[in-house]
Amino acid sequence: MAKQAPLTDEALEHVARRFAVLAEPMRLRLLQTLFDGEMNVNALVEATGGTQANVSRHLQTLTQAHMLSRRKEGLQVFYAISDPSIFKLCELVCGSLEKTFAKQAGSFGR
């Protein structure tokens, strides 16, 4: 695998902000819930077990970070994942954690 050129300080700041947005369990829960497609706020509140205010605040953060898109239909607001790299990132991190947990579970069984 070819080595990538080092990122600039500005690029590293952008990467750090992106990871900071993802460093909140409710935001990850919202993204995971949206993997199956677009949902309105009420459905997201119900699916995640959060409060309307809390879910709305996290949806706003994810939208401002350009991870989600937002559209209004009448009085309802619908959200969807707008950045396809989110799927790959979650798959990579979750897959890595699964392997780690499986290894740890295996070592406890001995």
PDB file of N, CA and C in Angstrom:
ATOM      1  N   MET A   1       0.838  -1.181   0.000  1.00  0.00           N
ATOM      2  CA  MET A   1       0.000   0.000   0.000  1.00  0.00           C
ATOM      3  C   MET A   1       0.884   1.245   0.000  1.00  0.00           C
ATOM      4  N   ALA A   2       0.617   2.188  -0.895  1.00  0.00           N
ATOM      5  CA  ALA A   2       1.433   3.386  -1.005  1.00  0.00           C
ATOM      6  C   ALA A   2       1.166   4.320   0.171  1.00  0.00           C
ATOM      7  N   LYS A   3       2.233   4.941   0.643  1.00  0.00           N
ATOM      8  CA  LYS A   3       2.116   5.875   1.762  1.00  0.00           C
ATOM      9  C   LYS A   3       1.564   7.205   1.259  1.00  0.00           C
ATOM     10  N   GLN A   4       0.586   7.736   2.003  1.00  0.00           N
ATOM     11  CA  GLN A   4      -0.003   9.018   1.627  1.00  0.00           C
ATOM     12  C   GLN A   4       0.886  10.157   2.106  1.00  0.00           C
ATOM     13  N   ALA A   5       0.809  11.272   1.396  1.00  0.00           N
ATOM     14  CA  ALA A   5       1.545  12.462   1.815  1.00  0.00           C
ATOM     15  C   ALA A   5       0.932  12.959   3.124  1.00  0.00           C
ATOM     16  N   PRO A   6       1.747  13.536   4.003  1.00  0.00           N
ATOM     17  CA  PRO A   6       1.214  14.050   5.275  1.00  0.00           C
ATOM     18  C   PRO A   6       0.175  15.149   5.019  1.00  0.00           C
ATOM     19  N   LEU A   7      -0.829  15.180   5.875  1.00  0.00           N
ATOM     20  CA  LEU A   7      -1.864  16.201   5.758  1.00  0.00           C
ATOM     21  C   LEU A   7      -1.361  17.523   6.320  1.00  0.00           C
ATOM     22  N   THR A   8      -1.894  18.597   5.781  1.00  0.00           N
ATOM     23  CA  THR A   8      -1.552  19.917   6.303  1.00  0.00           C
ATOM     24  C   THR A   8      -2.210  20.095   7.670  1.00  0.00           C
ATOM     25  N   ASP A   9      -1.752  21.086   8.403  1.00  0.00           N
ATOM     26  CA  ASP A   9      -2.366  21.377   9.707  1.00  0.00           C
ATOM     27  C   ASP A   9      -3.848  21.691   9.552  1.00  0.00           C
ATOM     28  N   GLU A  10      -4.196  22.414   8.505  1.00  0.00           N
ATOM     29  CA  GLU A  10      -5.599  22.764   8.260  1.00  0.00           C
ATOM     30  C   GLU A  10      -6.434  21.503   7.986  1.00  0.00           C
ATOM     31  N   ALA A  11      -5.883  20.603   7.196  1.00  0.00           N
ATOM     32  CA  ALA A  11      -6.591  19.359   6.895  1.00  0.00           C
ATOM     33  C   ALA A  11      -6.759  18.523   8.162  1.00  0.00           C
ATOM     34  N   LEU A  12      -5.727  18.471   9.004  1.00  0.00           N
ATOM     35  CA  LEU A  12      -5.815  17.726  10.256  1.00  0.00           C
ATOM     36  C   LEU A  12      -6.889  18.313  11.174  1.00  0.00           C
ATOM     37  N   GLU A  13      -7.028  19.640  11.169  1.00  0.00           N
ATOM     38  CA  GLU A  13      -8.085  20.297  11.953  1.00  0.00           C
ATOM     39  C   GLU A  13      -9.463  19.839  11.471  1.00  0.00           C
ATOM     40  N   HIS A  14      -9.647  19.755  10.152  1.00  0.00           N
ATOM     41  CA  HIS A  14     -10.922  19.298   9.576  1.00  0.00           C
ATOM     42  C   HIS A  14     -11.208  17.853   9.979  1.00  0.00           C
ATOM     43  N   VAL A  15     -10.188  17.010   9.918  1.00  0.00           N
ATOM     44  CA  VAL A  15     -10.352  15.603  10.290  1.00  0.00           C
ATOM     45  C   VAL A  15     -10.726  15.499  11.770  1.00  0.00           C
ATOM     46  N   ALA A  16     -10.046  16.262  12.611  1.00  0.00           N
ATOM     47  CA  ALA A  16     -10.330  16.232  14.053  1.00  0.00           C
ATOM     48  C   ALA A  16     -11.757  16.682  14.342  1.00  0.00           C
ATOM     49  N   ARG A  17     -12.223  17.714  13.642  1.00  0.00           N
ATOM     50  CA  ARG A  17     -13.607  18.188  13.841  1.00  0.00           C
ATOM     51  C   ARG A  17     -14.605  17.117  13.411  1.00  0.00           C
ATOM     52  N   ARG A  18     -14.291  16.426  12.335  1.00  0.00           N
ATOM     53  CA  ARG A  18     -15.189  15.361  11.849  1.00  0.00           C
ATOM     54  C   ARG A  18     -15.297  14.236  12.870  1.00  0.00           C
ATOM     55  N   PHE A  19     -14.158  13.829  13.412  1.00  0.00           N
ATOM     56  CA  PHE A  19     -14.187  12.788  14.437  1.00  0.00           C
ATOM     57  C   PHE A  19     -14.867  13.284  15.711  1.00  0.00           C
ATOM     58  N   ALA A  20     -14.714  14.551  16.033  1.00  0.00           N
ATOM     59  CA  ALA A  20     -15.385  15.106  17.215  1.00  0.00           C
ATOM     60  C   ALA A  20     -16.899  15.021  17.059  1.00  0.00           C
ATOM     61  N   VAL A  21     -17.402  15.277  15.859  1.00  0.00           N
ATOM     62  CA  VAL A  21     -18.843  15.165  15.602  1.00  0.00           C
ATOM     63  C   VAL A  21     -19.296  13.724  15.822  1.00  0.00           C
ATOM     64  N   LEU A  22     -18.466  12.770  15.447  1.00  0.00           N
ATOM     65  CA  LEU A  22     -18.818  11.352  15.556  1.00  0.00           C
ATOM     66  C   LEU A  22     -18.543  10.776  16.952  1.00  0.00           C
ATOM     67  N   ALA A  23     -17.992  11.581  17.838  1.00  0.00           N
ATOM     68  CA  ALA A  23     -17.605  11.094  19.170  1.00  0.00           C
ATOM     69  C   ALA A  23     -18.759  11.149  20.169  1.00  0.00           C
ATOM     70  N   GLU A  24     -19.969  11.149  19.697  1.00  0.00           N
ATOM     71  CA  GLU A  24     -21.155  11.237  20.546  1.00  0.00           C
ATOM     72  C   GLU A  24     -22.055  10.036  20.245  1.00  0.00           C
ATOM     73  N   PRO A  25     -22.329   9.183  21.238  1.00  0.00           N
ATOM     74  CA  PRO A  25     -23.131   7.976  20.992  1.00  0.00           C
ATOM     75  C   PRO A  25     -24.495   8.234  20.350  1.00  0.00           C
ATOM     76  N   MET A  26     -25.189   9.278  20.734  1.00  0.00           N
ATOM     77  CA  MET A  26     -26.509   9.537  20.133  1.00  0.00           C
ATOM     78  C   MET A  26     -26.373   9.870  18.648  1.00  0.00           C
ATOM     79  N   ARG A  27     -25.332  10.577  18.272  1.00  0.00           N
ATOM     80  CA  ARG A  27     -25.137  10.891  16.845  1.00  0.00           C
ATOM     81  C   ARG A  27     -24.859   9.615  16.062  1.00  0.00           C
ATOM     82  N   LEU A  28     -24.069   8.722  16.637  1.00  0.00           N
ATOM     83  CA  LEU A  28     -23.801   7.440  15.985  1.00  0.00           C
ATOM     84  C   LEU A  28     -25.086   6.619  15.877  1.00  0.00           C
ATOM     85  N   ARG A  29     -25.905   6.665  16.924  1.00  0.00           N
ATOM     86  CA  ARG A  29     -27.192   5.944  16.909  1.00  0.00           C
ATOM     87  C   ARG A  29     -28.085   6.497  15.805  1.00  0.00           C
ATOM     88  N   LEU A  30     -28.114   7.817  15.650  1.00  0.00           N
ATOM     89  CA  LEU A  30     -28.918   8.444  14.595  1.00  0.00           C
ATOM     90  C   LEU A  30     -28.420   8.026  13.214  1.00  0.00           C
ATOM     91  N   LEU A  31     -27.110   8.055  13.020  1.00  0.00           N
ATOM     92  CA  LEU A  31     -26.550   7.640  11.728  1.00  0.00           C
ATOM     93  C   LEU A  31     -26.894   6.184  11.438  1.00  0.00           C
ATOM     94  N   GLN A  32     -26.723   5.333  12.448  1.00  0.00           N
ATOM     95  CA  GLN A  32     -27.023   3.911  12.272  1.00  0.00           C
ATOM     96  C   GLN A  32     -28.499   3.721  11.912  1.00  0.00           C
ATOM     97  N   THR A  33     -29.372   4.488  12.542  1.00  0.00           N
ATOM     98  CA  THR A  33     -30.803   4.400  12.262  1.00  0.00           C
ATOM     99  C   THR A  33     -31.109   4.835  10.837  1.00  0.00           C
ATOM    100  N   LEU A  34     -30.343   5.788  10.324  1.00  0.00           N
ATOM    101  CA  LEU A  34     -30.569   6.310   8.972  1.00  0.00           C
ATOM    102  C   LEU A  34     -29.911   5.464   7.880  1.00  0.00           C
ATOM    103  N   PHE A  35     -29.186   4.414   8.248  1.00  0.00           N
ATOM    104  CA  PHE A  35     -28.563   3.546   7.244  1.00  0.00           C
ATOM    105  C   PHE A  35     -29.597   2.951   6.301  1.00  0.00           C
ATOM    106  N   ASP A  36     -30.803   2.716   6.789  1.00  0.00           N
ATOM    107  CA  ASP A  36     -31.850   2.116   5.951  1.00  0.00           C
ATOM    108  C   ASP A  36     -32.578   3.131   5.084  1.00  0.00           C
ATOM    109  N   GLY A  37     -32.286   4.412   5.264  1.00  0.00           N
ATOM    110  CA  GLY A  37     -32.918   5.434   4.434  1.00  0.00           C
ATOM    111  C   GLY A  37     -33.488   6.582   5.245  1.00  0.00           C
ATOM    112  N   GLU A  38     -34.048   7.497   4.518  1.00  0.00           N
ATOM    113  CA  GLU A  38     -34.582   8.751   5.059  1.00  0.00           C
ATOM    114  C   GLU A  38     -35.668   8.511   6.114  1.00  0.00           C
ATOM    115  N   MET A  39     -35.662   9.346   7.157  1.00  0.00           N
ATOM    116  CA  MET A  39     -36.679   9.266   8.213  1.00  0.00           C
ATOM    117  C   MET A  39     -37.010  10.671   8.702  1.00  0.00           C
ATOM    118  N   ASN A  40     -38.235  10.816   9.217  1.00  0.00           N
ATOM    119  CA  ASN A  40     -38.583  12.119   9.787  1.00  0.00           C
ATOM    120  C   ASN A  40     -38.162  12.161  11.259  1.00  0.00           C
ATOM    121  N   VAL A  41     -38.219  13.356  11.822  1.00  0.00           N
ATOM    122  CA  VAL A  41     -37.729  13.561  13.186  1.00  0.00           C
ATOM    123  C   VAL A  41     -38.484  12.686  14.180  1.00  0.00           C
ATOM    124  N   ASN A  42     -39.803  12.622  14.069  1.00  0.00           N
ATOM    125  CA  ASN A  42     -40.582  11.820  15.017  1.00  0.00           C
ATOM    126  C   ASN A  42     -40.169  10.351  14.987  1.00  0.00           C
ATOM    127  N   ALA A  43     -39.942   9.808  13.806  1.00  0.00           N
ATOM    128  CA  ALA A  43     -39.513   8.416  13.679  1.00  0.00           C
ATOM    129  C   ALA A  43     -38.125   8.222  14.293  1.00  0.00           C
ATOM    130  N   LEU A  44     -37.243   9.210  14.121  1.00  0.00           N
ATOM    131  CA  LEU A  44     -35.901   9.121  14.698  1.00  0.00           C
ATOM    132  C   LEU A  44     -35.953   9.184  16.221  1.00  0.00           C
ATOM    133  N   VAL A  45     -36.824  10.020  16.754  1.00  0.00           N
ATOM    134  CA  VAL A  45     -37.002  10.106  18.213  1.00  0.00           C
ATOM    135  C   VAL A  45     -37.453   8.750  18.744  1.00  0.00           C
ATOM    136  N   GLU A  46     -38.437   8.178  18.087  1.00  0.00           N
ATOM    137  CA  GLU A  46     -38.965   6.872  18.515  1.00  0.00           C
ATOM    138  C   GLU A  46     -37.913   5.772  18.386  1.00  0.00           C
ATOM    139  N   ALA A  47     -37.202   5.757  17.284  1.00  0.00           N
ATOM    140  CA  ALA A  47     -36.219   4.690  17.025  1.00  0.00           C
ATOM    141  C   ALA A  47     -35.019   4.753  17.967  1.00  0.00           C
ATOM    142  N   THR A  48     -34.630   5.958  18.375  1.00  0.00           N
ATOM    143  CA  THR A  48     -33.431   6.095  19.202  1.00  0.00           C
ATOM    144  C   THR A  48     -33.731   6.190  20.690  1.00  0.00           C
ATOM    145  N   GLY A  49     -34.988   6.472  21.033  1.00  0.00           N
ATOM    146  CA  GLY A  49     -35.337   6.610  22.447  1.00  0.00           C
ATOM    147  C   GLY A  49     -34.902   7.931  23.055  1.00  0.00           C
ATOM    148  N   GLY A  50     -34.472   8.858  22.224  1.00  0.00           N
ATOM    149  CA  GLY A  50     -34.068  10.174  22.717  1.00  0.00           C
ATOM    150  C   GLY A  50     -35.262  11.102  22.857  1.00  0.00           C
ATOM    151  N   THR A  51     -35.021  12.261  23.429  1.00  0.00           N
ATOM    152  CA  THR A  51     -36.068  13.271  23.510  1.00  0.00           C
ATOM    153  C   THR A  51     -36.070  14.070  22.213  1.00  0.00           C
ATOM    154  N   GLN A  52     -37.177  14.695  21.912  1.00  0.00           N
ATOM    155  CA  GLN A  52     -37.294  15.509  20.692  1.00  0.00           C
ATOM    156  C   GLN A  52     -36.195  16.577  20.653  1.00  0.00           C
ATOM    157  N   ALA A  53     -35.991  17.272  21.767  1.00  0.00           N
ATOM    158  CA  ALA A  53     -34.997  18.359  21.807  1.00  0.00           C
ATOM    159  C   ALA A  53     -33.582  17.821  21.598  1.00  0.00           C
ATOM    160  N   ASN A  54     -33.255  16.722  22.249  1.00  0.00           N
ATOM    161  CA  ASN A  54     -31.914  16.151  22.142  1.00  0.00           C
ATOM    162  C   ASN A  54     -31.645  15.636  20.732  1.00  0.00           C
ATOM    163  N   VAL A  55     -32.602  14.903  20.174  1.00  0.00           N
ATOM    164  CA  VAL A  55     -32.447  14.368  18.821  1.00  0.00           C
ATOM    165  C   VAL A  55     -32.308  15.513  17.821  1.00  0.00           C
ATOM    166  N   SER A  56     -33.136  16.527  17.951  1.00  0.00           N
ATOM    167  CA  SER A  56     -33.071  17.678  17.032  1.00  0.00           C
ATOM    168  C   SER A  56     -31.722  18.377  17.099  1.00  0.00           C
ATOM    169  N   ARG A  57     -31.184  18.518  18.298  1.00  0.00           N
ATOM    170  CA  ARG A  57     -29.874  19.172  18.470  1.00  0.00           C
ATOM    171  C   ARG A  57     -28.789  18.365  17.765  1.00  0.00           C
ATOM    172  N   HIS A  58     -28.809  17.036  17.939  1.00  0.00           N
ATOM    173  CA  HIS A  58     -27.797  16.192  17.302  1.00  0.00           C
ATOM    174  C   HIS A  58     -27.975  16.150  15.782  1.00  0.00           C
ATOM    175  N   LEU A  59     -29.209  16.148  15.317  1.00  0.00           N
ATOM    176  CA  LEU A  59     -29.461  16.189  13.871  1.00  0.00           C
ATOM    177  C   LEU A  59     -28.914  17.481  13.271  1.00  0.00           C
ATOM    178  N   GLN A  60     -29.076  18.572  13.991  1.00  0.00           N
ATOM    179  CA  GLN A  60     -28.555  19.863  13.521  1.00  0.00           C
ATOM    180  C   GLN A  60     -27.026  19.810  13.403  1.00  0.00           C
ATOM    181  N   THR A  61     -26.375  19.235  14.404  1.00  0.00           N
ATOM    182  CA  THR A  61     -24.908  19.121  14.379  1.00  0.00           C
ATOM    183  C   THR A  61     -24.451  18.272  13.195  1.00  0.00           C
ATOM    184  N   LEU A  62     -25.112  17.136  12.979  1.00  0.00           N
ATOM    185  CA  LEU A  62     -24.753  16.256  11.864  1.00  0.00           C
ATOM    186  C   LEU A  62     -25.018  16.917  10.511  1.00  0.00           C
ATOM    187  N   THR A  63     -26.067  17.712  10.439  1.00  0.00           N
ATOM    188  CA  THR A  63     -26.383  18.423   9.196  1.00  0.00           C
ATOM    189  C   THR A  63     -25.355  19.517   8.928  1.00  0.00           C
ATOM    190  N   GLN A  64     -24.982  20.249   9.967  1.00  0.00           N
ATOM    191  CA  GLN A  64     -23.973  21.307   9.815  1.00  0.00           C
ATOM    192  C   GLN A  64     -22.619  20.737   9.413  1.00  0.00           C
ATOM    193  N   ALA A  65     -22.366  19.492   9.820  1.00  0.00           N
ATOM    194  CA  ALA A  65     -21.110  18.831   9.463  1.00  0.00           C
ATOM    195  C   ALA A  65     -21.196  18.180   8.078  1.00  0.00           C
ATOM    196  N   HIS A  66     -22.311  18.386   7.379  1.00  0.00           N
ATOM    197  CA  HIS A  66     -22.537  17.856   6.020  1.00  0.00           C
ATOM    198  C   HIS A  66     -22.569  16.332   5.968  1.00  0.00           C
ATOM    199  N   MET A  67     -22.929  15.716   7.084  1.00  0.00           N
ATOM    200  CA  MET A  67     -23.081  14.262   7.104  1.00  0.00           C
ATOM    201  C   MET A  67     -24.515  13.864   6.771  1.00  0.00           C
ATOM    202  N   LEU A  68     -25.457  14.742   7.096  1.00  0.00           N
ATOM    203  CA  LEU A  68     -26.863  14.505   6.815  1.00  0.00           C
ATOM    204  C   LEU A  68     -27.422  15.594   5.917  1.00  0.00           C
ATOM    205  N   SER A  69     -28.432  15.222   5.148  1.00  0.00           N
ATOM    206  CA  SER A  69     -29.197  16.219   4.392  1.00  0.00           C
ATOM    207  C   SER A  69     -30.556  16.338   5.078  1.00  0.00           C
ATOM    208  N   ARG A  70     -31.192  17.457   4.850  1.00  0.00           N
ATOM    209  CA  ARG A  70     -32.458  17.767   5.508  1.00  0.00           C
ATOM    210  C   ARG A  70     -33.414  18.290   4.458  1.00  0.00           C
ATOM    211  N   ARG A  71     -34.663  17.809   4.502  1.00  0.00           N
ATOM    212  CA  ARG A  71     -35.668  18.367   3.607  1.00  0.00           C
ATOM    213  C   ARG A  71     -36.982  18.482   4.359  1.00  0.00           C
ATOM    214  N   LYS A  72     -37.719  19.511   4.008  1.00  0.00           N
ATOM    215  CA  LYS A  72     -39.000  19.766   4.654  1.00  0.00           C
ATOM    216  C   LYS A  72     -40.129  19.369   3.729  1.00  0.00           C
ATOM    217  N   GLU A  73     -41.134  18.723   4.291  1.00  0.00           N
ATOM    218  CA  GLU A  73     -42.331  18.367   3.546  1.00  0.00           C
ATOM    219  C   GLU A  73     -43.511  18.726   4.447  1.00  0.00           C
ATOM    220  N   GLY A  74     -44.144  19.850   4.127  1.00  0.00           N
ATOM    221  CA  GLY A  74     -45.210  20.344   5.006  1.00  0.00           C
ATOM    222  C   GLY A  74     -44.609  20.724   6.340  1.00  0.00           C
ATOM    223  N   LEU A  75     -45.137  20.160   7.409  1.00  0.00           N
ATOM    224  CA  LEU A  75     -44.622  20.449   8.750  1.00  0.00           C
ATOM    225  C   LEU A  75     -43.542  19.464   9.190  1.00  0.00           C
ATOM    226  N   GLN A  76     -43.317  18.431   8.402  1.00  0.00           N
ATOM    227  CA  GLN A  76     -42.337  17.420   8.785  1.00  0.00           C
ATOM    228  C   GLN A  76     -40.968  17.703   8.173  1.00  0.00           C
ATOM    229  N   VAL A  77     -39.938  17.326   8.920  1.00  0.00           N
ATOM    230  CA  VAL A  77     -38.563  17.446   8.447  1.00  0.00           C
ATOM    231  C   VAL A  77     -37.988  16.040   8.340  1.00  0.00           C
ATOM    232  N   PHE A  78     -37.403  15.739   7.189  1.00  0.00           N
ATOM    233  CA  PHE A  78     -36.816  14.431   6.925  1.00  0.00           C
ATOM    234  C   PHE A  78     -35.298  14.557   6.834  1.00  0.00           C
ATOM    235  N   TYR A  79     -34.617  13.543   7.363  1.00  0.00           N
ATOM    236  CA  TYR A  79     -33.152  13.516   7.334  1.00  0.00           C
ATOM    237  C   TYR A  79     -32.685  12.253   6.621  1.00  0.00           C
ATOM    238  N   ALA A  80     -31.536  12.376   5.952  1.00  0.00           N
ATOM    239  CA  ALA A  80     -30.918  11.244   5.266  1.00  0.00           C
ATOM    240  C   ALA A  80     -29.406  11.428   5.311  1.00  0.00           C
ATOM    241  N   ILE A  81     -28.681  10.351   5.211  1.00  0.00           N
ATOM    242  CA  ILE A  81     -27.220  10.426   5.150  1.00  0.00           C
ATOM    243  C   ILE A  81     -26.845  11.008   3.793  1.00  0.00           C
ATOM    244  N   SER A  82     -26.081  12.089   3.824  1.00  0.00           N
ATOM    245  CA  SER A  82     -25.711  12.754   2.569  1.00  0.00           C
ATOM    246  C   SER A  82     -24.272  12.476   2.165  1.00  0.00           C
ATOM    247  N   ASP A  83     -23.484  11.943   3.093  1.00  0.00           N
ATOM    248  CA  ASP A  83     -22.076  11.668   2.810  1.00  0.00           C
ATOM    249  C   ASP A  83     -21.866  10.157   2.794  1.00  0.00           C
ATOM    250  N   PRO A  84     -21.725   9.568   1.603  1.00  0.00           N
ATOM    251  CA  PRO A  84     -21.585   8.110   1.510  1.00  0.00           C
ATOM    252  C   PRO A  84     -20.366   7.544   2.236  1.00  0.00           C
ATOM    253  N   SER A  85     -19.379   8.381   2.518  1.00  0.00           N
ATOM    254  CA  SER A  85     -18.195   7.874   3.225  1.00  0.00           C
ATOM    255  C   SER A  85     -18.540   7.463   4.660  1.00  0.00           C
ATOM    256  N   ILE A  86     -19.663   7.932   5.184  1.00  0.00           N
ATOM    257  CA  ILE A  86     -20.102   7.559   6.534  1.00  0.00           C
ATOM    258  C   ILE A  86     -20.332   6.044   6.600  1.00  0.00           C
ATOM    259  N   PHE A  87     -20.926   5.474   5.551  1.00  0.00           N
ATOM    260  CA  PHE A  87     -21.170   4.026   5.535  1.00  0.00           C
ATOM    261  C   PHE A  87     -19.855   3.260   5.653  1.00  0.00           C
ATOM    262  N   LYS A  88     -18.875   3.654   4.853  1.00  0.00           N
ATOM    263  CA  LYS A  88     -17.579   2.972   4.828  1.00  0.00           C
ATOM    264  C   LYS A  88     -16.842   3.162   6.161  1.00  0.00           C
ATOM    265  N   LEU A  89     -16.884   4.370   6.693  1.00  0.00           N
ATOM    266  CA  LEU A  89     -16.209   4.662   7.953  1.00  0.00           C
ATOM    267  C   LEU A  89     -16.799   3.814   9.083  1.00  0.00           C
ATOM    268  N   CYS A  90     -18.114   3.766   9.176  1.00  0.00           N
ATOM    269  CA  CYS A  90     -18.772   2.976  10.223  1.00  0.00           C
ATOM    270  C   CYS A  90     -18.479   1.490  10.046  1.00  0.00           C
ATOM    271  N   GLU A  91     -18.489   1.022   8.801  1.00  0.00           N
ATOM    272  CA  GLU A  91     -18.191  -0.387   8.522  1.00  0.00           C
ATOM    273  C   GLU A  91     -16.763  -0.720   8.955  1.00  0.00           C
ATOM    274  N   LEU A  92     -15.839   0.163   8.658  1.00  0.00           N
ATOM    275  CA  LEU A  92     -14.439  -0.041   8.999  1.00  0.00           C
ATOM    276  C   LEU A  92     -14.238  -0.077  10.513  1.00  0.00           C
ATOM    277  N   VAL A  93     -14.780   0.922  11.211  1.00  0.00           N
ATOM    278  CA  VAL A  93     -14.596   1.010  12.661  1.00  0.00           C
ATOM    279  C   VAL A  93     -15.342  -0.114  13.372  1.00  0.00           C
ATOM    280  N   CYS A  94     -16.593  -0.338  13.000  1.00  0.00           N
ATOM    281  CA  CYS A  94     -17.376  -1.393  13.655  1.00  0.00           C
ATOM    282  C   CYS A  94     -16.780  -2.768  13.390  1.00  0.00           C
ATOM    283  N   GLY A  95     -16.318  -3.005  12.165  1.00  0.00           N
ATOM    284  CA  GLY A  95     -15.686  -4.283  11.832  1.00  0.00           C
ATOM    285  C   GLY A  95     -14.430  -4.510  12.648  1.00  0.00           C
ATOM    286  N   SER A  96     -13.653  -3.468  12.826  1.00  0.00           N
ATOM    287  CA  SER A  96     -12.432  -3.550  13.614  1.00  0.00           C
ATOM    288  C   SER A  96     -12.758  -3.851  15.078  1.00  0.00           C
ATOM    289  N   LEU A  97     -13.778  -3.199  15.606  1.00  0.00           N
ATOM    290  CA  LEU A  97     -14.175  -3.439  16.999  1.00  0.00           C
ATOM    291  C   LEU A  97     -14.700  -4.855  17.188  1.00  0.00           C
ATOM    292  N   GLU A  98     -15.464  -5.335  16.213  1.00  0.00           N
ATOM    293  CA  GLU A  98     -15.979  -6.712  16.290  1.00  0.00           C
ATOM    294  C   GLU A  98     -14.840  -7.716  16.386  1.00  0.00           C
ATOM    295  N   LYS A  99     -13.808  -7.511  15.564  1.00  0.00           N
ATOM    296  CA  LYS A  99     -12.655  -8.413  15.584  1.00  0.00           C
ATOM    297  C   LYS A  99     -11.948  -8.355  16.940  1.00  0.00           C
ATOM    298  N   THR A 100     -11.791  -7.147  17.469  1.00  0.00           N
ATOM    299  CA  THR A 100     -11.131  -6.968  18.765  1.00  0.00           C
ATOM    300  C   THR A 100     -11.922  -7.658  19.867  1.00  0.00           C
ATOM    301  N   PHE A 101     -13.248  -7.451  19.877  1.00  0.00           N
ATOM    302  CA  PHE A 101     -14.084  -8.068  20.902  1.00  0.00           C
ATOM    303  C   PHE A 101     -14.073  -9.591  20.780  1.00  0.00           C
ATOM    304  N   ALA A 102     -14.090 -10.091  19.552  1.00  0.00           N
ATOM    305  CA  ALA A 102     -14.072 -11.541  19.336  1.00  0.00           C
ATOM    306  C   ALA A 102     -12.763 -12.129  19.857  1.00  0.00           C
ATOM    307  N   LYS A 103     -11.649 -11.437  19.601  1.00  0.00           N
ATOM    308  CA  LYS A 103     -10.347 -11.895  20.093  1.00  0.00           C
ATOM    309  C   LYS A 103     -10.325 -11.915  21.614  1.00  0.00           C
ATOM    310  N   GLN A 104     -10.851 -10.820  22.230  1.00  0.00           N
ATOM    311  CA  GLN A 104     -10.871 -10.747  23.684  1.00  0.00           C
ATOM    312  C   GLN A 104     -11.757 -11.830  24.269  1.00  0.00           C
ATOM    313  N   ALA A 105     -12.905 -12.062  23.657  1.00  0.00           N
ATOM    314  CA  ALA A 105     -13.818 -13.096  24.143  1.00  0.00           C
ATOM    315  C   ALA A 105     -13.154 -14.473  24.032  1.00  0.00           C
ATOM    316  N   GLY A 106     -12.419 -14.686  22.947  1.00  0.00           N
ATOM    317  CA  GLY A 106     -11.713 -15.935  22.763  1.00  0.00           C
ATOM    318  C   GLY A 106     -10.647 -16.171  23.815  1.00  0.00           C
ATOM    319  N   SER A 107      -9.960 -15.114  24.219  1.00  0.00           N
ATOM    320  CA  SER A 107      -8.891 -15.267  25.210  1.00  0.00           C
ATOM    321  C   SER A 107      -9.470 -15.508  26.603  1.00  0.00           C
ATOM    322  N   PHE A 108     -10.706 -15.049  26.846  1.00  0.00           N
ATOM    323  CA  PHE A 108     -11.328 -15.296  28.140  1.00  0.00           C
ATOM    324  C   PHE A 108     -11.848 -16.727  28.248  1.00  0.00           C
ATOM    325  N   GLY A 109     -12.113 -17.345  27.116  1.00  0.00           N
ATOM    326  CA  GLY A 109     -12.662 -18.692  27.107  1.00  0.00           C
ATOM    327  C   GLY A 109     -11.619 -19.774  27.354  1.00  0.00           C
ATOM    328  N   ARG A 110     -10.374 -19.390  27.430  1.00  0.00           N
ATOM    329  CA  ARG A 110      -9.298 -20.386  27.595  1.00  0.00           C
ATOM    330  C   ARG A 110      -9.040 -20.715  29.036  1.00  0.00           C
TER     331      ARG A 110
END
